[in-house]
Protein backbone atom coordinates (compact mmCIF):
# COMPACT_ATOMS: atom_id res chain seq x y z
CA MET A 1 21.17 24.53 12.18
CA ASP A 2 20.90 20.58 12.35
CA LYS A 3 17.07 20.98 13.47
CA LEU A 4 16.50 23.07 10.34
CA PHE A 5 17.96 20.49 8.02
CA ARG A 6 16.15 17.68 9.72
CA ASN A 7 12.71 19.83 9.45
CA LEU A 8 13.65 20.51 5.79
CA GLU A 9 14.08 16.77 5.14
CA LYS A 10 10.75 15.91 6.86
CA LEU A 11 9.09 18.55 4.64
CA GLU A 12 10.83 17.34 1.52
CA GLY A 13 9.56 13.89 2.52
CA LEU A 14 5.99 14.99 3.11
CA ILE A 15 6.02 16.88 -0.68
CA ILE A 16 7.31 13.53 -2.17
CA LYS A 17 4.42 11.52 -0.59
CA LEU A 18 1.83 14.23 -1.53
CA THR A 19 2.91 14.20 -5.13
CA LEU A 20 2.92 10.26 -5.20
CA CYS A 21 -0.61 10.20 -3.89
CA SER A 22 -1.87 12.49 -6.92
CA LYS A 23 -0.37 10.68 -9.63
CA GLU A 24 -2.28 7.48 -11.21
CA VAL A 25 0.67 5.88 -12.69
CA LEU A 26 4.03 5.74 -10.97
CA ASP A 27 7.44 4.52 -12.33
CA PHE A 28 9.53 1.98 -10.63
CA GLU A 29 11.57 4.36 -8.29
CA GLU A 30 8.21 6.16 -7.22
CA SER A 31 6.49 3.05 -6.46
CA CYS A 32 9.45 1.83 -4.22
CA LYS A 33 8.94 5.12 -2.20
CA TYR A 34 5.14 4.92 -2.31
CA LEU A 35 5.21 1.29 -0.96
CA ASP A 36 8.45 2.10 1.33
CA ILE A 37 9.99 -1.07 0.13
CA PRO A 38 13.44 -1.79 -1.14
CA TYR A 39 14.10 -1.89 -5.16
CA ASP A 40 14.94 -5.30 -5.03
CA PHE A 41 11.85 -6.61 -3.22
CA LEU A 42 9.50 -4.80 -5.76
CA LEU A 43 11.57 -6.13 -8.47
CA ALA A 44 11.13 -9.55 -7.29
CA LEU A 45 7.44 -9.07 -6.84
CA SER A 46 7.10 -7.82 -10.28
CA ARG A 47 9.25 -10.57 -12.00
CA VAL A 48 7.14 -13.35 -10.51
CA GLY A 49 3.88 -11.58 -11.22
CA LEU A 50 2.94 -11.17 -7.40
CA ILE A 51 2.14 -7.35 -7.94
CA PRO A 52 0.67 -6.12 -11.38
CA CYS A 53 3.04 -3.65 -13.36
CA TYR A 54 3.30 -2.54 -17.04
CA ASN A 55 6.07 -2.50 -19.42
CA PRO A 56 5.06 -0.29 -22.37
CA PHE A 57 8.74 0.50 -23.63
CA GLY A 58 10.35 -2.80 -23.00
CA ASN A 59 12.85 -1.46 -20.44
CA ARG A 60 10.99 0.49 -17.59
CA LEU A 61 8.37 -0.83 -15.36
CA TYR A 62 5.10 1.39 -14.22
CA PHE A 63 2.62 0.63 -11.68
CA ARG A 64 -0.93 2.06 -11.34
CA ARG A 65 -1.20 3.53 -7.68
CA LYS A 66 -4.69 1.74 -7.43
CA ASP A 67 -3.08 -1.66 -7.99
CA LEU A 68 -0.49 -0.96 -5.47
CA ASP A 69 -3.02 0.03 -2.93
CA ASN A 70 -5.11 -3.27 -3.54
CA TRP A 71 -1.79 -5.23 -3.30
CA LEU A 72 -1.29 -3.63 0.14
CA LEU A 73 -4.50 -4.21 1.59
CA ARG A 74 -4.79 -7.82 0.33
CA LYS A 75 -4.87 -9.72 3.50
CA LYS A 76 -7.16 -7.97 6.12
CA LEU A 77 -6.44 -9.00 9.78
CA PHE A 78 -9.59 -9.22 11.40
CA PRO A 79 -10.29 -8.10 15.06
CA PHE A 80 -11.11 -10.84 17.42
CA GLU A 81 -14.70 -9.76 17.72
CA GLU A 82 -15.17 -9.93 13.86
CA ILE A 83 -13.75 -13.39 13.84
CA ASP A 84 -16.04 -14.82 16.87
CA GLN A 85 -19.01 -13.25 15.00
CA PHE A 86 -17.80 -15.02 11.79
CA LEU A 87 -17.28 -18.29 13.63
CA GLY A 88 -20.99 -17.79 15.38
CA VAL A 89 -19.21 -17.69 18.96
CA ILE A 90 -20.98 -14.27 19.81
CA PRO A 91 -24.01 -12.93 18.38
CA ASP A 92 -23.82 -9.76 16.22
CA ASP A 93 -26.09 -6.89 16.64
CA ASN A 94 -28.59 -8.34 14.13
CA GLN A 95 -29.04 -11.60 16.29
CA LYS A 96 -28.90 -9.48 19.48
CA LYS A 97 -32.19 -7.68 18.41
CA GLU A 98 -33.92 -10.95 17.40
CA SER A 99 -33.55 -12.16 20.95
């Protein structure tokens, strides 16, 4: 019986995530779930302007899902080969063909 409840909870979580991915605008609670971050952290980010949000009614915050995705992907970590190519340590594919 416990296994059945765990599976139902997993299924519920997947349905919520699918629903969030289909919406263009999320409210504050949905945004916390979408980003998988605590309420206080999202509130702090929005207060200091580190994450774009909208306040059309003066008492609730809303977030565009696209803005949240851009915020999540703002700092790309480069694999070592890309860094070496950028620094000119190893030739990229175009330089190899010229040789």
